[in-house]
Amino acid sequence: MTAVSPSLARRGRVMMRWPRFVRTPQGVVGLAMLAFVLLVAFVGPLIAPHSIEEPIGAPGQSPGAGALLGTDFLGRDVLSRVLHGGVSVLGLSITATVLTYIVGITVGLIAGYSRSLVDPLLMRFVDLMLSFPALLLLLVLVTGAGSGVGILILGVVLVMFPGVARIVRTSTLEASVKGYVEAAVMRGERPSAILTREILPNIISFVLADVGIRFSAAIIFIASLNYLSLGLKPPAADWALMIAENREILSSNVWGVLAPAIMLGLLTISVNLLGDAYARTLGRSRGRA
């Protein structure tokens, strides 16, 4: 029998711990891109060469020795602002996505398991929210309630949770007639315990299959509002806000727009690749079950 070295065995165990969807070609590419974006977002502020608020040269200056990506419309260092601009995008998008799933899962579980008037009432509200164009609803909310981080996140959650709620309700309706749920009912368990201990753990993997789409949508909505100056305000360093601010110097220094646009594109594509890889892997696993 051929002996296996301890180092190879350890590496094999580490590889086995990676989720299967990450080991697919899509997963590998998506994870590499996401790792790069996260590195820029969280390590970037520590290595930024200049202040994000102080001008270092003439507005719209081309890349040079003192500014590798040139200067923006106020003469600030583009590279430094790009290195600082990812934290707001990621923080707001992650917060909005997490809250979306909390609200959507709660509404969907209650509606799907309820056998009373609660189900049609909740779902009519969900259908009403789905009937509004998403961006129009966001613009009306932000314009009427005022801009700010809290209003921005609330608007994104209101736009996205109905889709999650419908998925959860459908999955809950299917799971509520399974034997393990009926057994829990026969044992006299409370509805809250049945929802959290029996139904939710068995549907959560399918509910989260579209998390990549939801997260990408949150990025797009937040970036769109920041681009329209209805979210974060100057002098905040934000990739979407940078694109809006530097349009006027596009002809003199394209990197003021191109660099943040590339980072937003990499973030969105990486999340979509990972989400698609997870959904495909989950589909194959369900097909073999």
C-alpha atoms as a PDB file:
ATOM      1  CA  MET A   1       0.000   0.000   0.000  1.00  0.00           C
ATOM      2  CA  THR A   2       1.323   3.428  -0.934  1.00  0.00           C
ATOM      3  CA  ALA A   3       1.794   5.750   2.020  1.00  0.00           C
ATOM      4  CA  VAL A   4       0.267   9.215   1.848  1.00  0.00           C
ATOM      5  CA  SER A   5       2.343  12.009   3.320  1.00  0.00           C
ATOM      6  CA  PRO A   6       0.767  13.898   6.246  1.00  0.00           C
ATOM      7  CA  SER A   7       1.016  17.200   4.356  1.00  0.00           C
ATOM      8  CA  LEU A   8      -0.921  15.818   1.369  1.00  0.00           C
ATOM      9  CA  ALA A   9      -3.519  14.365   3.696  1.00  0.00           C
ATOM     10  CA  ARG A  10      -3.953  17.710   5.448  1.00  0.00           C
ATOM     11  CA  ARG A  11      -4.311  19.510   2.121  1.00  0.00           C
ATOM     12  CA  GLY A  12      -6.907  16.963   1.043  1.00  0.00           C
ATOM     13  CA  ARG A  13      -8.927  17.525   4.211  1.00  0.00           C
ATOM     14  CA  VAL A  14      -8.779  21.301   3.717  1.00  0.00           C
ATOM     15  CA  MET A  15     -10.021  20.955   0.129  1.00  0.00           C
ATOM     16  CA  MET A  16     -12.880  18.744   1.288  1.00  0.00           C
ATOM     17  CA  ARG A  17     -14.033  21.468   3.658  1.00  0.00           C
ATOM     18  CA  TRP A  18     -14.675  23.888   0.775  1.00  0.00           C
ATOM     19  CA  PRO A  19     -18.320  23.884  -0.326  1.00  0.00           C
ATOM     20  CA  ARG A  20     -18.846  21.989  -3.549  1.00  0.00           C
ATOM     21  CA  PHE A  21     -20.070  25.015  -5.505  1.00  0.00           C
ATOM     22  CA  VAL A  22     -16.835  26.901  -4.752  1.00  0.00           C
ATOM     23  CA  ARG A  23     -14.833  24.103  -6.395  1.00  0.00           C
ATOM     24  CA  THR A  24     -16.669  24.508  -9.720  1.00  0.00           C
ATOM     25  CA  PRO A  25     -15.047  26.644 -12.459  1.00  0.00           C
ATOM     26  CA  GLN A  26     -17.647  29.363 -11.936  1.00  0.00           C
ATOM     27  CA  GLY A  27     -17.142  29.213  -8.204  1.00  0.00           C
ATOM     28  CA  VAL A  28     -13.370  29.459  -8.456  1.00  0.00           C
ATOM     29  CA  VAL A  29     -13.505  32.492 -10.773  1.00  0.00           C
ATOM     30  CA  GLY A  30     -16.220  34.161  -8.710  1.00  0.00           C
ATOM     31  CA  LEU A  31     -14.388  33.550  -5.440  1.00  0.00           C
ATOM     32  CA  ALA A  32     -11.118  34.929  -6.845  1.00  0.00           C
ATOM     33  CA  MET A  33     -12.849  38.076  -8.107  1.00  0.00           C
ATOM     34  CA  LEU A  34     -14.740  38.550  -4.848  1.00  0.00           C
ATOM     35  CA  ALA A  35     -11.547  38.055  -2.826  1.00  0.00           C
ATOM     36  CA  PHE A  36      -9.861  40.793  -4.863  1.00  0.00           C
ATOM     37  CA  VAL A  37     -12.766  43.208  -4.334  1.00  0.00           C
ATOM     38  CA  LEU A  38     -12.851  42.470  -0.596  1.00  0.00           C
ATOM     39  CA  LEU A  39      -9.092  42.973  -0.380  1.00  0.00           C
ATOM     40  CA  VAL A  40      -9.377  46.366  -2.066  1.00  0.00           C
ATOM     41  CA  ALA A  41     -12.361  47.387   0.067  1.00  0.00           C
ATOM     42  CA  PHE A  42     -11.013  46.440   3.488  1.00  0.00           C
ATOM     43  CA  VAL A  43      -7.232  46.657   3.088  1.00  0.00           C
ATOM     44  CA  GLY A  44      -7.306  49.580   0.650  1.00  0.00           C
ATOM     45  CA  PRO A  45      -8.005  52.281   3.258  1.00  0.00           C
ATOM     46  CA  LEU A  46      -4.924  51.155   5.175  1.00  0.00           C
ATOM     47  CA  ILE A  47      -2.580  51.568   2.205  1.00  0.00           C
ATOM     48  CA  ALA A  48      -4.163  54.580   0.458  1.00  0.00           C
ATOM     49  CA  PRO A  49      -1.334  57.002  -0.370  1.00  0.00           C
ATOM     50  CA  HIS A  50      -3.304  60.233   0.118  1.00  0.00           C
ATOM     51  CA  SER A  51      -6.246  61.727   1.965  1.00  0.00           C
ATOM     52  CA  ILE A  52      -9.619  61.263   0.282  1.00  0.00           C
ATOM     53  CA  GLU A  53     -10.578  64.908   0.873  1.00  0.00           C
ATOM     54  CA  GLU A  54      -7.420  66.964   0.288  1.00  0.00           C
ATOM     55  CA  PRO A  55      -6.546  67.989  -3.320  1.00  0.00           C
ATOM     56  CA  ILE A  56      -3.099  66.895  -4.476  1.00  0.00           C
ATOM     57  CA  GLY A  57      -3.074  68.516  -7.901  1.00  0.00           C
ATOM     58  CA  ALA A  58      -5.071  70.145 -10.647  1.00  0.00           C
ATOM     59  CA  PRO A  59      -8.600  68.777 -11.315  1.00  0.00           C
ATOM     60  CA  GLY A  60      -8.751  66.026 -13.932  1.00  0.00           C
ATOM     61  CA  GLN A  61      -5.011  65.465 -14.006  1.00  0.00           C
ATOM     62  CA  SER A  62      -3.809  62.409 -15.973  1.00  0.00           C
ATOM     63  CA  PRO A  63      -2.069  59.530 -14.176  1.00  0.00           C
ATOM     64  CA  GLY A  64       1.457  60.342 -13.110  1.00  0.00           C
ATOM     65  CA  ALA A  65       4.116  59.604 -10.520  1.00  0.00           C
ATOM     66  CA  GLY A  66       2.296  61.353  -7.688  1.00  0.00           C
ATOM     67  CA  ALA A  67      -1.136  59.995  -8.617  1.00  0.00           C
ATOM     68  CA  LEU A  68      -1.152  56.591 -10.285  1.00  0.00           C
ATOM     69  CA  LEU A  69      -4.783  57.012 -11.406  1.00  0.00           C
ATOM     70  CA  GLY A  70      -4.703  60.783 -11.720  1.00  0.00           C
ATOM     71  CA  THR A  71      -6.936  63.251  -9.910  1.00  0.00           C
ATOM     72  CA  ASP A  72     -10.701  63.701  -9.783  1.00  0.00           C
ATOM     73  CA  PHE A  73     -12.851  66.737 -10.542  1.00  0.00           C
ATOM     74  CA  LEU A  74     -11.612  68.493  -7.386  1.00  0.00           C
ATOM     75  CA  GLY A  75      -7.976  67.463  -7.735  1.00  0.00           C
ATOM     76  CA  ARG A  76      -8.159  64.626  -5.175  1.00  0.00           C
ATOM     77  CA  ASP A  77      -6.285  61.357  -5.642  1.00  0.00           C
ATOM     78  CA  VAL A  78      -8.471  58.885  -7.580  1.00  0.00           C
ATOM     79  CA  LEU A  79      -6.543  55.825  -6.374  1.00  0.00           C
ATOM     80  CA  SER A  80      -7.008  56.754  -2.715  1.00  0.00           C
ATOM     81  CA  ARG A  81     -10.718  57.323  -3.187  1.00  0.00           C
ATOM     82  CA  VAL A  82     -11.103  54.022  -5.035  1.00  0.00           C
ATOM     83  CA  LEU A  83      -9.307  52.227  -2.186  1.00  0.00           C
ATOM     84  CA  HIS A  84     -11.733  53.820   0.300  1.00  0.00           C
ATOM     85  CA  GLY A  85     -14.879  53.502  -1.816  1.00  0.00           C
ATOM     86  CA  GLY A  86     -15.732  49.830  -1.376  1.00  0.00           C
ATOM     87  CA  VAL A  87     -16.612  49.795   2.319  1.00  0.00           C
ATOM     88  CA  SER A  88     -19.799  51.807   1.837  1.00  0.00           C
ATOM     89  CA  VAL A  89     -20.945  49.722  -1.138  1.00  0.00           C
ATOM     90  CA  LEU A  90     -20.354  46.414   0.623  1.00  0.00           C
ATOM     91  CA  GLY A  91     -21.663  47.552   4.000  1.00  0.00           C
ATOM     92  CA  LEU A  92     -24.910  48.974   2.662  1.00  0.00           C
ATOM     93  CA  SER A  93     -25.511  46.070   0.240  1.00  0.00           C
ATOM     94  CA  ILE A  94     -24.847  43.372   2.844  1.00  0.00           C
ATOM     95  CA  THR A  95     -27.050  45.109   5.417  1.00  0.00           C
ATOM     96  CA  ALA A  96     -29.897  45.537   2.934  1.00  0.00           C
ATOM     97  CA  THR A  97     -29.639  41.917   1.758  1.00  0.00           C
ATOM     98  CA  VAL A  98     -29.593  40.472   5.289  1.00  0.00           C
ATOM     99  CA  LEU A  99     -32.602  42.559   6.324  1.00  0.00           C
ATOM    100  CA  THR A 100     -34.374  41.568   3.101  1.00  0.00           C
ATOM    101  CA  TYR A 101     -34.039  37.887   3.946  1.00  0.00           C
ATOM    102  CA  ILE A 102     -35.046  38.414   7.580  1.00  0.00           C
ATOM    103  CA  VAL A 103     -38.251  40.200   6.558  1.00  0.00           C
ATOM    104  CA  GLY A 104     -38.950  37.992   3.530  1.00  0.00           C
ATOM    105  CA  ILE A 105     -38.410  34.720   5.394  1.00  0.00           C
ATOM    106  CA  THR A 106     -40.577  35.853   8.312  1.00  0.00           C
ATOM    107  CA  VAL A 107     -43.447  36.955   6.083  1.00  0.00           C
ATOM    108  CA  GLY A 108     -43.175  33.870   3.867  1.00  0.00           C
ATOM    109  CA  LEU A 109     -43.130  31.417   6.786  1.00  0.00           C
ATOM    110  CA  ILE A 110     -46.145  32.990   8.474  1.00  0.00           C
ATOM    111  CA  ALA A 111     -48.115  33.207   5.232  1.00  0.00           C
ATOM    112  CA  GLY A 112     -47.239  29.686   4.093  1.00  0.00           C
ATOM    113  CA  TYR A 113     -47.987  27.965   7.383  1.00  0.00           C
ATOM    114  CA  SER A 114     -51.049  30.003   8.315  1.00  0.00           C
ATOM    115  CA  ARG A 115     -54.411  28.483   7.556  1.00  0.00           C
ATOM    116  CA  SER A 116     -56.330  31.683   8.236  1.00  0.00           C
ATOM    117  CA  LEU A 117     -56.984  35.115   6.784  1.00  0.00           C
ATOM    118  CA  VAL A 118     -53.359  36.057   7.546  1.00  0.00           C
ATOM    119  CA  ASP A 119     -52.071  34.334   4.386  1.00  0.00           C
ATOM    120  CA  PRO A 120     -54.177  36.220   1.795  1.00  0.00           C
ATOM    121  CA  LEU A 121     -53.698  39.535   3.634  1.00  0.00           C
ATOM    122  CA  LEU A 122     -49.923  39.196   3.698  1.00  0.00           C
ATOM    123  CA  MET A 123     -49.693  38.020   0.122  1.00  0.00           C
ATOM    124  CA  ARG A 124     -51.936  40.818  -1.176  1.00  0.00           C
ATOM    125  CA  PHE A 125     -49.522  43.278   0.406  1.00  0.00           C
ATOM    126  CA  VAL A 126     -46.612  41.410  -1.181  1.00  0.00           C
ATOM    127  CA  ASP A 127     -48.336  41.484  -4.574  1.00  0.00           C
ATOM    128  CA  LEU A 128     -48.993  45.214  -4.150  1.00  0.00           C
ATOM    129  CA  MET A 129     -45.296  45.864  -3.499  1.00  0.00           C
ATOM    130  CA  LEU A 130     -44.329  43.748  -6.510  1.00  0.00           C
ATOM    131  CA  SER A 131     -46.640  45.749  -8.757  1.00  0.00           C
ATOM    132  CA  PHE A 132     -44.601  48.944  -8.319  1.00  0.00           C
ATOM    133  CA  PRO A 133     -41.517  49.459 -10.519  1.00  0.00           C
ATOM    134  CA  ALA A 134     -38.589  48.999  -8.152  1.00  0.00           C
ATOM    135  CA  LEU A 135     -36.551  52.062  -9.045  1.00  0.00           C
ATOM    136  CA  LEU A 136     -39.652  54.285  -9.132  1.00  0.00           C
ATOM    137  CA  LEU A 137     -40.642  53.131  -5.631  1.00  0.00           C
ATOM    138  CA  LEU A 138     -37.127  53.851  -4.377  1.00  0.00           C
ATOM    139  CA  LEU A 139     -37.106  57.316  -5.919  1.00  0.00           C
ATOM    140  CA  VAL A 140     -40.515  58.183  -4.454  1.00  0.00           C
ATOM    141  CA  LEU A 141     -39.503  56.956  -0.991  1.00  0.00           C
ATOM    142  CA  VAL A 142     -36.146  58.730  -0.960  1.00  0.00           C
ATOM    143  CA  THR A 143     -37.609  61.928  -2.394  1.00  0.00           C
ATOM    144  CA  GLY A 144     -40.513  61.973   0.060  1.00  0.00           C
ATOM    145  CA  ALA A 145     -38.796  60.743   3.234  1.00  0.00           C
ATOM    146  CA  GLY A 146     -35.424  62.344   2.621  1.00  0.00           C
ATOM    147  CA  SER A 147     -32.062  60.878   1.779  1.00  0.00           C
ATOM    148  CA  GLY A 148     -29.912  59.073   4.293  1.00  0.00           C
ATOM    149  CA  VAL A 149     -28.421  55.671   4.979  1.00  0.00           C
ATOM    150  CA  GLY A 150     -31.455  54.433   6.932  1.00  0.00           C
ATOM    151  CA  ILE A 151     -33.964  55.486   4.270  1.00  0.00           C
ATOM    152  CA  LEU A 152     -31.711  54.032   1.563  1.00  0.00           C
ATOM    153  CA  ILE A 153     -31.579  50.611   3.229  1.00  0.00           C
ATOM    154  CA  LEU A 154     -35.313  50.683   4.055  1.00  0.00           C
ATOM    155  CA  GLY A 155     -36.148  51.405   0.438  1.00  0.00           C
ATOM    156  CA  VAL A 156     -34.017  48.540  -0.873  1.00  0.00           C
ATOM    157  CA  VAL A 157     -35.572  46.128   1.646  1.00  0.00           C
ATOM    158  CA  LEU A 158     -39.114  47.182   0.656  1.00  0.00           C
ATOM    159  CA  VAL A 159     -38.260  46.593  -2.988  1.00  0.00           C
ATOM    160  CA  MET A 160     -36.596  43.198  -2.553  1.00  0.00           C
ATOM    161  CA  PHE A 161     -38.360  41.372   0.285  1.00  0.00           C
ATOM    162  CA  PRO A 162     -41.579  40.519  -1.659  1.00  0.00           C
ATOM    163  CA  GLY A 163     -39.653  38.196  -3.994  1.00  0.00           C
ATOM    164  CA  VAL A 164     -38.090  36.378  -1.055  1.00  0.00           C
ATOM    165  CA  ALA A 165     -41.450  36.153   0.716  1.00  0.00           C
ATOM    166  CA  ARG A 166     -43.102  34.462  -2.277  1.00  0.00           C
ATOM    167  CA  ILE A 167     -40.298  31.891  -2.557  1.00  0.00           C
ATOM    168  CA  VAL A 168     -40.452  31.130   1.165  1.00  0.00           C
ATOM    169  CA  ARG A 169     -44.246  30.843   1.145  1.00  0.00           C
ATOM    170  CA  THR A 170     -44.186  28.360  -1.737  1.00  0.00           C
ATOM    171  CA  SER A 171     -41.471  26.274  -0.044  1.00  0.00           C
ATOM    172  CA  THR A 172     -43.350  26.412   3.272  1.00  0.00           C
ATOM    173  CA  LEU A 173     -46.576  25.207   1.663  1.00  0.00           C
ATOM    174  CA  GLU A 174     -44.705  22.208   0.246  1.00  0.00           C
ATOM    175  CA  ALA A 175     -42.895  21.438   3.506  1.00  0.00           C
ATOM    176  CA  SER A 176     -45.942  21.844   5.764  1.00  0.00           C
ATOM    177  CA  VAL A 177     -47.490  18.617   4.452  1.00  0.00           C
ATOM    178  CA  LYS A 178     -44.356  16.521   4.981  1.00  0.00           C
ATOM    179  CA  GLY A 179     -44.317  13.738   7.543  1.00  0.00           C
ATOM    180  CA  TYR A 180     -41.814  15.385   9.864  1.00  0.00           C
ATOM    181  CA  VAL A 181     -44.036  18.466  10.156  1.00  0.00           C
ATOM    182  CA  GLU A 182     -47.152  16.393  10.780  1.00  0.00           C
ATOM    183  CA  ALA A 183     -45.241  14.449  13.440  1.00  0.00           C
ATOM    184  CA  ALA A 184     -44.275  17.716  15.160  1.00  0.00           C
ATOM    185  CA  VAL A 185     -47.923  18.811  15.096  1.00  0.00           C
ATOM    186  CA  MET A 186     -48.975  15.499  16.634  1.00  0.00           C
ATOM    187  CA  ARG A 187     -46.402  16.010  19.401  1.00  0.00           C
ATOM    188  CA  GLY A 188     -48.137  19.284  20.236  1.00  0.00           C
ATOM    189  CA  GLU A 189     -45.253  21.586  19.360  1.00  0.00           C
ATOM    190  CA  ARG A 190     -45.997  25.277  19.032  1.00  0.00           C
ATOM    191  CA  PRO A 191     -46.275  26.786  15.530  1.00  0.00           C
ATOM    192  CA  SER A 192     -43.197  28.954  16.162  1.00  0.00           C
ATOM    193  CA  ALA A 193     -41.151  25.874  17.045  1.00  0.00           C
ATOM    194  CA  ILE A 194     -42.414  24.006  13.978  1.00  0.00           C
ATOM    195  CA  LEU A 195     -41.488  26.925  11.719  1.00  0.00           C
ATOM    196  CA  THR A 196     -38.003  27.458  13.140  1.00  0.00           C
ATOM    197  CA  ARG A 197     -37.000  23.859  13.928  1.00  0.00           C
ATOM    198  CA  GLU A 198     -38.756  21.781  11.298  1.00  0.00           C
ATOM    199  CA  ILE A 199     -39.643  23.855   8.226  1.00  0.00           C
ATOM    200  CA  LEU A 200     -36.960  26.558   8.011  1.00  0.00           C
ATOM    201  CA  PRO A 201     -33.911  24.241   8.213  1.00  0.00           C
ATOM    202  CA  ASN A 202     -35.354  22.098   5.421  1.00  0.00           C
ATOM    203  CA  ILE A 203     -36.100  24.944   3.004  1.00  0.00           C
ATOM    204  CA  ILE A 204     -33.313  27.408   3.728  1.00  0.00           C
ATOM    205  CA  SER A 205     -30.874  26.004   1.143  1.00  0.00           C
ATOM    206  CA  PHE A 206     -33.414  26.460  -1.660  1.00  0.00           C
ATOM    207  CA  VAL A 207     -34.436  29.889  -0.386  1.00  0.00           C
ATOM    208  CA  LEU A 208     -30.817  31.065  -0.409  1.00  0.00           C
ATOM    209  CA  ALA A 209     -30.223  29.782  -3.941  1.00  0.00           C
ATOM    210  CA  ASP A 210     -30.990  33.233  -5.305  1.00  0.00           C
ATOM    211  CA  VAL A 211     -28.975  35.185  -2.738  1.00  0.00           C
ATOM    212  CA  GLY A 212     -26.536  36.175  -5.478  1.00  0.00           C
ATOM    213  CA  ILE A 213     -29.343  37.783  -7.473  1.00  0.00           C
ATOM    214  CA  ARG A 214     -30.678  39.616  -4.406  1.00  0.00           C
ATOM    215  CA  PHE A 215     -27.244  40.849  -3.385  1.00  0.00           C
ATOM    216  CA  SER A 216     -26.476  42.003  -6.927  1.00  0.00           C
ATOM    217  CA  ALA A 217     -29.821  43.817  -7.031  1.00  0.00           C
ATOM    218  CA  ALA A 218     -29.019  45.530  -3.731  1.00  0.00           C
ATOM    219  CA  ILE A 219     -25.671  46.684  -5.152  1.00  0.00           C
ATOM    220  CA  ILE A 220     -27.372  48.038  -8.280  1.00  0.00           C
ATOM    221  CA  PHE A 221     -30.154  49.842  -6.365  1.00  0.00           C
ATOM    222  CA  ILE A 222     -27.772  51.410  -3.853  1.00  0.00           C
ATOM    223  CA  ALA A 223     -25.271  52.360  -6.542  1.00  0.00           C
ATOM    224  CA  SER A 224     -28.060  53.892  -8.639  1.00  0.00           C
ATOM    225  CA  LEU A 225     -29.293  56.070  -5.777  1.00  0.00           C
ATOM    226  CA  ASN A 226     -25.751  57.087  -4.848  1.00  0.00           C
ATOM    227  CA  TYR A 227     -25.114  57.898  -8.504  1.00  0.00           C
ATOM    228  CA  LEU A 228     -28.175  60.168  -8.459  1.00  0.00           C
ATOM    229  CA  SER A 229     -26.891  61.755  -5.209  1.00  0.00           C
ATOM    230  CA  LEU A 230     -29.973  60.468  -3.362  1.00  0.00           C
ATOM    231  CA  GLY A 231     -27.995  58.257  -1.002  1.00  0.00           C
ATOM    232  CA  LEU A 232     -24.528  59.061   0.289  1.00  0.00           C
ATOM    233  CA  LYS A 233     -23.412  62.644  -0.028  1.00  0.00           C
ATOM    234  CA  PRO A 234     -20.040  64.190  -0.942  1.00  0.00           C
ATOM    235  CA  PRO A 235     -17.279  64.111   0.174  1.00  0.00           C
ATOM    236  CA  ALA A 236     -17.953  60.416   0.889  1.00  0.00           C
ATOM    237  CA  ALA A 237     -15.727  58.054  -1.073  1.00  0.00           C
ATOM    238  CA  ASP A 238     -18.127  55.677  -2.808  1.00  0.00           C
ATOM    239  CA  TRP A 239     -17.618  53.943  -6.154  1.00  0.00           C
ATOM    240  CA  ALA A 240     -21.025  54.918  -7.569  1.00  0.00           C
ATOM    241  CA  LEU A 241     -20.737  58.462  -6.278  1.00  0.00           C
ATOM    242  CA  MET A 242     -17.288  58.719  -7.889  1.00  0.00           C
ATOM    243  CA  ILE A 243     -18.736  57.793 -11.277  1.00  0.00           C
ATOM    244  CA  ALA A 244     -21.337  60.545 -10.995  1.00  0.00           C
ATOM    245  CA  GLU A 245     -18.863  63.144  -9.769  1.00  0.00           C
ATOM    246  CA  ASN A 246     -16.191  62.551 -12.382  1.00  0.00           C
ATOM    247  CA  ARG A 247     -18.340  62.498 -15.522  1.00  0.00           C
ATOM    248  CA  GLU A 248     -17.314  66.062 -16.316  1.00  0.00           C
ATOM    249  CA  ILE A 249     -13.604  65.162 -16.444  1.00  0.00           C
ATOM    250  CA  LEU A 250     -14.057  61.970 -18.449  1.00  0.00           C
ATOM    251  CA  SER A 251     -12.131  63.375 -21.411  1.00  0.00           C
ATOM    252  CA  SER A 252      -9.117  64.450 -19.336  1.00  0.00           C
ATOM    253  CA  ASN A 253      -8.881  61.533 -16.875  1.00  0.00           C
ATOM    254  CA  VAL A 254     -10.992  58.516 -17.738  1.00  0.00           C
ATOM    255  CA  TRP A 255      -9.773  56.626 -14.632  1.00  0.00           C
ATOM    256  CA  GLY A 256     -11.919  58.805 -12.409  1.00  0.00           C
ATOM    257  CA  VAL A 257     -14.913  56.959 -13.856  1.00  0.00           C
ATOM    258  CA  LEU A 258     -13.392  53.740 -15.186  1.00  0.00           C
ATOM    259  CA  ALA A 259     -11.669  52.579 -11.972  1.00  0.00           C
ATOM    260  CA  PRO A 260     -14.770  52.672  -9.714  1.00  0.00           C
ATOM    261  CA  ALA A 261     -16.900  51.252 -12.548  1.00  0.00           C
ATOM    262  CA  ILE A 262     -14.519  48.289 -12.860  1.00  0.00           C
ATOM    263  CA  MET A 263     -14.712  47.628  -9.115  1.00  0.00           C
ATOM    264  CA  LEU A 264     -18.516  47.711  -9.145  1.00  0.00           C
ATOM    265  CA  GLY A 265     -18.547  45.411 -12.172  1.00  0.00           C
ATOM    266  CA  LEU A 266     -16.172  42.920 -10.544  1.00  0.00           C
ATOM    267  CA  LEU A 267     -18.258  42.871  -7.370  1.00  0.00           C
ATOM    268  CA  THR A 268     -21.537  42.278  -9.200  1.00  0.00           C
ATOM    269  CA  ILE A 269     -20.113  39.642 -11.553  1.00  0.00           C
ATOM    270  CA  SER A 270     -18.358  37.749  -8.753  1.00  0.00           C
ATOM    271  CA  VAL A 271     -21.527  37.536  -6.654  1.00  0.00           C
ATOM    272  CA  ASN A 272     -23.555  36.392  -9.664  1.00  0.00           C
ATOM    273  CA  LEU A 273     -20.979  33.713 -10.522  1.00  0.00           C
ATOM    274  CA  LEU A 274     -20.964  32.350  -6.972  1.00  0.00           C
ATOM    275  CA  GLY A 275     -24.757  32.465  -6.756  1.00  0.00           C
ATOM    276  CA  ASP A 276     -25.147  30.685 -10.079  1.00  0.00           C
ATOM    277  CA  ALA A 277     -22.586  28.051  -9.086  1.00  0.00           C
ATOM    278  CA  TYR A 278     -24.465  27.416  -5.832  1.00  0.00           C
ATOM    279  CA  ALA A 279     -27.837  27.174  -7.599  1.00  0.00           C
ATOM    280  CA  ARG A 280     -26.463  24.742 -10.200  1.00  0.00           C
ATOM    281  CA  THR A 281     -24.840  22.565  -7.545  1.00  0.00           C
ATOM    282  CA  LEU A 282     -28.013  22.586  -5.473  1.00  0.00           C
ATOM    283  CA  GLY A 283     -30.049  21.619  -8.540  1.00  0.00           C
ATOM    284  CA  ARG A 284     -27.784  18.641  -9.257  1.00  0.00           C
ATOM    285  CA  SER A 285     -27.922  17.554  -5.629  1.00  0.00           C
ATOM    286  CA  ARG A 286     -31.724  17.767  -5.615  1.00  0.00           C
ATOM    287  CA  GLY A 287     -31.877  15.812  -8.850  1.00  0.00           C
ATOM    288  CA  ARG A 288     -29.891  12.950  -7.327  1.00  0.00           C
ATOM    289  CA  ALA A 289     -31.978  12.934  -4.127  1.00  0.00           C
END
